[in-house]
């Protein structure tokens, strides 16, 4: 079963479960599933990465992309420090909201979650976000092409979309490694008749697994 199929299965299980405090974020190149404080948000694209490939030089669309990008960065930090599934995740959300986006990206680089090349690409596209946030019109905003020459974003949107897609895909590929470690136990626990202690059980099993992996590394 592919990761996409497993996420679809989790979606069905979550809809039938009674876990009001469930916090969950699963994503691939084709879909995402977010469960947060009783609300379920799911989307599956018929065209891979359509929400990026259809972007226009529009303030609302560009800032919406960056909102999702920052959300994904937050989830990578959560996965690094707490794991994909943790009872402490809601509390950690509040902390991450107070930290600057590029500070969070720098943390991922220092922890070797992302490499210098990906960090460089994120820095480049991030400049466009700042311009859209502080400019009067789209015609006042510039983005550098492959040759480094600055052009109005209205004429250079295709280059930005390629850069944005590369960043998005590489971050998702990193995140899916953590998903593949945890989604099996998540499905198992959600499928049990009594899931009231799902978070406690998952947290205990994750801690046990981490300790075993740490022992193997020391050996």
Protein backbone atom coordinates (compact mmCIF):
# COMPACT_ATOMS: atom_id res chain seq x y z
CA UNK A 1 0.00 0.00 0.00
CA UNK A 2 1.41 3.39 -1.01
CA UNK A 3 1.74 6.29 1.42
CA UNK A 4 -1.08 8.07 -0.41
CA UNK A 5 -3.35 5.06 0.12
CA UNK A 6 -2.38 4.88 3.78
CA UNK A 7 -3.21 8.56 4.27
CA UNK A 8 -6.61 7.98 2.64
CA UNK A 9 -7.16 5.12 5.09
CA UNK A 10 -6.16 7.32 8.04
CA UNK A 11 -8.65 9.92 6.81
CA UNK A 12 -11.47 7.36 6.90
CA UNK A 13 -10.43 6.10 10.34
CA UNK A 14 -10.20 9.62 11.78
CA UNK A 15 -13.68 10.49 10.55
CA UNK A 16 -15.03 7.48 12.44
CA UNK A 17 -12.98 7.98 15.59
CA UNK A 18 -13.81 9.99 18.71
CA UNK A 19 -10.60 11.85 19.42
CA UNK A 20 -11.35 15.56 19.88
CA UNK A 21 -7.75 16.33 20.88
CA UNK A 22 -6.21 14.57 17.87
CA UNK A 23 -3.53 16.66 16.12
CA UNK A 24 -2.21 15.23 12.91
CA UNK A 25 -0.58 16.37 9.67
CA UNK A 26 0.18 13.99 6.79
CA UNK A 27 1.31 15.04 3.33
CA UNK A 28 2.66 13.75 0.00
CA UNK A 29 3.14 15.43 -3.36
CA UNK A 30 -0.49 14.64 -4.18
CA UNK A 31 -2.45 15.28 -1.02
CA UNK A 32 -2.52 16.45 2.56
CA UNK A 33 -4.56 15.62 5.63
CA UNK A 34 -4.67 17.93 8.63
CA UNK A 35 -6.59 17.16 11.81
CA UNK A 36 -6.60 19.94 14.36
CA UNK A 37 -8.85 20.46 17.39
CA UNK A 38 -11.71 18.46 15.96
CA UNK A 39 -11.49 19.88 12.42
CA UNK A 40 -10.48 17.75 9.44
CA UNK A 41 -8.98 19.41 6.36
CA UNK A 42 -8.11 17.13 3.46
CA UNK A 43 -7.20 17.77 -0.15
CA UNK A 44 -6.11 15.48 -2.95
CA UNK A 45 -4.84 16.88 -6.24
CA UNK A 46 -5.68 15.23 -9.56
CA UNK A 47 -2.60 16.98 -11.00
CA UNK A 48 0.56 16.58 -8.92
CA UNK A 49 1.59 19.85 -7.21
CA UNK A 50 -1.24 21.70 -8.96
CA UNK A 51 -1.51 24.40 -6.28
CA UNK A 52 2.06 25.50 -7.10
CA UNK A 53 1.99 24.99 -10.87
CA UNK A 54 -1.16 27.10 -11.19
CA UNK A 55 0.21 30.04 -9.19
CA UNK A 56 -0.16 33.51 -10.67
CA UNK A 57 1.66 36.73 -9.80
CA UNK A 58 -1.08 37.50 -7.32
CA UNK A 59 -0.46 38.66 -3.75
CA UNK A 60 -3.10 36.39 -2.24
CA UNK A 61 -1.92 33.26 -4.07
CA UNK A 62 1.76 33.85 -3.34
CA UNK A 63 1.22 34.58 0.35
CA UNK A 64 -1.04 31.52 0.61
CA UNK A 65 1.82 29.39 -0.74
CA UNK A 66 4.23 30.84 1.81
CA UNK A 67 1.74 30.26 4.64
CA UNK A 68 1.69 26.57 3.69
CA UNK A 69 5.48 26.52 3.34
CA UNK A 70 5.93 27.92 6.84
CA UNK A 71 3.42 25.40 8.16
CA UNK A 72 5.47 22.57 6.61
CA UNK A 73 8.66 23.96 8.16
CA UNK A 74 6.90 24.03 11.54
CA UNK A 75 5.89 20.39 11.13
CA UNK A 76 9.47 19.43 10.28
CA UNK A 77 10.63 21.04 13.52
CA UNK A 78 7.89 19.22 15.43
CA UNK A 79 8.95 15.94 13.80
CA UNK A 80 12.59 16.58 14.69
CA UNK A 81 11.99 17.45 18.35
CA UNK A 82 8.79 15.59 19.25
CA UNK A 83 8.24 13.06 16.52
CA UNK A 84 5.31 12.97 14.14
CA UNK A 85 2.83 12.13 16.91
CA UNK A 86 3.06 13.76 20.32
CA UNK A 87 0.73 14.85 23.09
CA UNK A 88 2.86 18.01 23.47
CA UNK A 89 2.33 19.18 19.88
CA UNK A 90 -0.42 21.72 20.65
CA UNK A 91 1.78 23.46 23.22
CA UNK A 92 4.68 23.50 20.79
CA UNK A 93 2.50 25.16 18.13
CA UNK A 94 2.24 28.26 20.32
CA UNK A 95 6.02 28.47 20.64
CA UNK A 96 6.65 28.12 16.91
CA UNK A 97 4.23 30.95 16.12
CA UNK A 98 6.54 33.35 17.95
CA UNK A 99 9.66 32.44 15.97
CA UNK A 100 10.69 34.13 12.71
CA UNK A 101 10.38 31.95 9.61
CA UNK A 102 14.02 32.18 8.54
CA UNK A 103 15.18 31.48 12.11
CA UNK A 104 13.21 28.22 11.91
CA UNK A 105 14.78 27.40 8.55
CA UNK A 106 18.24 28.09 10.00
CA UNK A 107 17.49 25.69 12.87
CA UNK A 108 16.63 22.94 10.40
CA UNK A 109 19.95 23.55 8.65
CA UNK A 110 21.92 23.47 11.94
CA UNK A 111 20.19 20.20 12.88
CA UNK A 112 21.10 18.79 9.42
CA UNK A 113 17.44 18.27 8.56
CA UNK A 114 18.03 20.34 5.40
CA UNK A 115 21.30 21.00 3.61
CA UNK A 116 22.96 24.25 2.61
CA UNK A 117 21.66 24.07 -0.96
CA UNK A 118 18.02 23.79 0.14
CA UNK A 119 18.57 26.56 2.69
CA UNK A 120 19.88 28.78 -0.12
CA UNK A 121 16.81 28.09 -2.26
CA UNK A 122 14.44 28.86 0.61
CA UNK A 123 16.27 32.14 1.21
CA UNK A 124 15.85 33.08 -2.43
CA UNK A 125 12.11 32.49 -2.67
CA UNK A 126 11.55 34.02 0.78
CA UNK A 127 12.60 37.43 -0.59
CA UNK A 128 9.51 37.41 -2.78
CA UNK A 129 7.30 36.88 0.26
CA UNK A 130 8.79 39.96 1.92
CA UNK A 131 8.22 42.06 -1.18
CA UNK A 132 4.58 41.02 -1.48
CA UNK A 133 4.06 41.80 2.21
CA UNK A 134 5.45 45.32 1.88
CA UNK A 135 4.77 46.50 -1.69
CA UNK A 136 1.84 48.51 -3.03
CA UNK A 137 1.48 46.62 -6.30
CA UNK A 138 2.61 43.41 -7.98
CA UNK A 139 4.34 45.62 -10.55
CA UNK A 140 6.74 46.83 -7.84
CA UNK A 141 7.98 43.29 -7.12
CA UNK A 142 11.02 41.65 -8.72
CA UNK A 143 12.42 38.13 -8.80
CA UNK A 144 15.77 36.92 -10.11
CA UNK A 145 15.93 34.56 -13.05
CA UNK A 146 18.34 31.72 -13.73
CA UNK A 147 20.93 34.26 -14.89
CA UNK A 148 20.55 36.27 -11.69
CA UNK A 149 18.90 39.19 -13.48
CA UNK A 150 15.99 40.80 -11.65
CA UNK A 151 12.73 40.94 -13.58
CA UNK A 152 9.21 41.97 -12.55
CA UNK A 153 7.42 38.99 -11.02
CA UNK A 154 4.63 39.51 -13.56
CA UNK A 155 7.17 38.48 -16.24
CA UNK A 156 9.14 36.01 -14.15
CA UNK A 157 6.46 33.97 -12.37
CA UNK A 158 7.42 30.73 -14.17
CA UNK A 159 10.93 30.83 -12.71
CA UNK A 160 9.51 31.41 -9.24
CA UNK A 161 7.10 28.48 -9.62
CA UNK A 162 9.96 26.14 -10.56
CA UNK A 163 11.99 27.32 -7.56
CA UNK A 164 8.99 27.04 -5.23
CA UNK A 165 8.18 23.55 -6.47
CA UNK A 166 11.76 22.39 -5.90
CA UNK A 167 11.73 23.67 -2.31
CA UNK A 168 8.29 22.20 -1.60
CA UNK A 169 9.10 18.76 -3.02
CA UNK A 170 12.41 18.48 -1.16
CA UNK A 171 10.79 19.42 2.15
CA UNK A 172 7.97 16.93 1.60
CA UNK A 173 10.45 14.18 0.75
CA UNK A 174 12.18 14.83 4.10
CA UNK A 175 8.87 14.82 5.97
CA UNK A 176 7.60 11.61 4.35
CA UNK A 177 10.54 9.71 5.84
CA UNK A 178 9.12 10.50 9.28
CA UNK A 179 5.60 9.64 8.09
CA UNK A 180 6.69 6.21 6.89
CA UNK A 181 8.15 5.48 10.33
CA UNK A 182 4.91 6.28 12.16
CA UNK A 183 1.90 5.76 9.91
CA UNK A 184 1.73 2.00 10.50
CA UNK A 185 1.29 2.33 14.26
CA UNK A 186 -1.12 5.24 13.73
CA UNK A 187 -3.38 3.11 11.52
CA UNK A 188 -3.18 0.22 13.98
CA UNK A 189 -4.18 2.37 16.95
CA UNK A 190 -6.97 4.21 15.13
CA UNK A 191 -8.39 0.91 13.96
CA UNK A 192 -8.66 -0.46 17.50
CA UNK A 193 -12.14 -0.46 19.09
CA UNK A 194 -10.80 1.49 22.08
CA UNK A 195 -8.65 4.38 20.89
CA UNK A 196 -9.06 6.58 23.94
CA UNK A 197 -5.37 6.15 24.84
CA UNK A 198 -4.02 6.33 21.32
CA UNK A 199 -1.65 9.23 22.03
CA UNK A 200 -0.24 7.71 25.20
CA UNK A 201 0.32 4.36 23.47
CA UNK A 202 1.95 5.92 20.42
CA UNK A 203 4.19 8.13 22.55
CA UNK A 204 5.35 5.16 24.64
CA UNK A 205 6.08 3.01 21.61
CA UNK A 206 7.91 5.88 19.89
CA UNK A 207 10.07 6.45 22.97
CA UNK A 208 10.89 2.75 23.13
CA UNK A 209 11.77 2.67 19.42
CA UNK A 210 13.97 5.78 19.73
CA UNK A 211 15.87 4.23 22.65
CA UNK A 212 16.52 1.05 20.65
CA UNK A 213 17.74 3.08 17.64
CA UNK A 214 20.01 5.12 19.93
CA UNK A 215 21.52 1.95 21.40
CA UNK A 216 22.26 0.59 17.93
CA UNK A 217 23.96 3.86 16.95
CA UNK A 218 26.18 3.72 20.07
CA UNK A 219 27.19 0.16 19.24
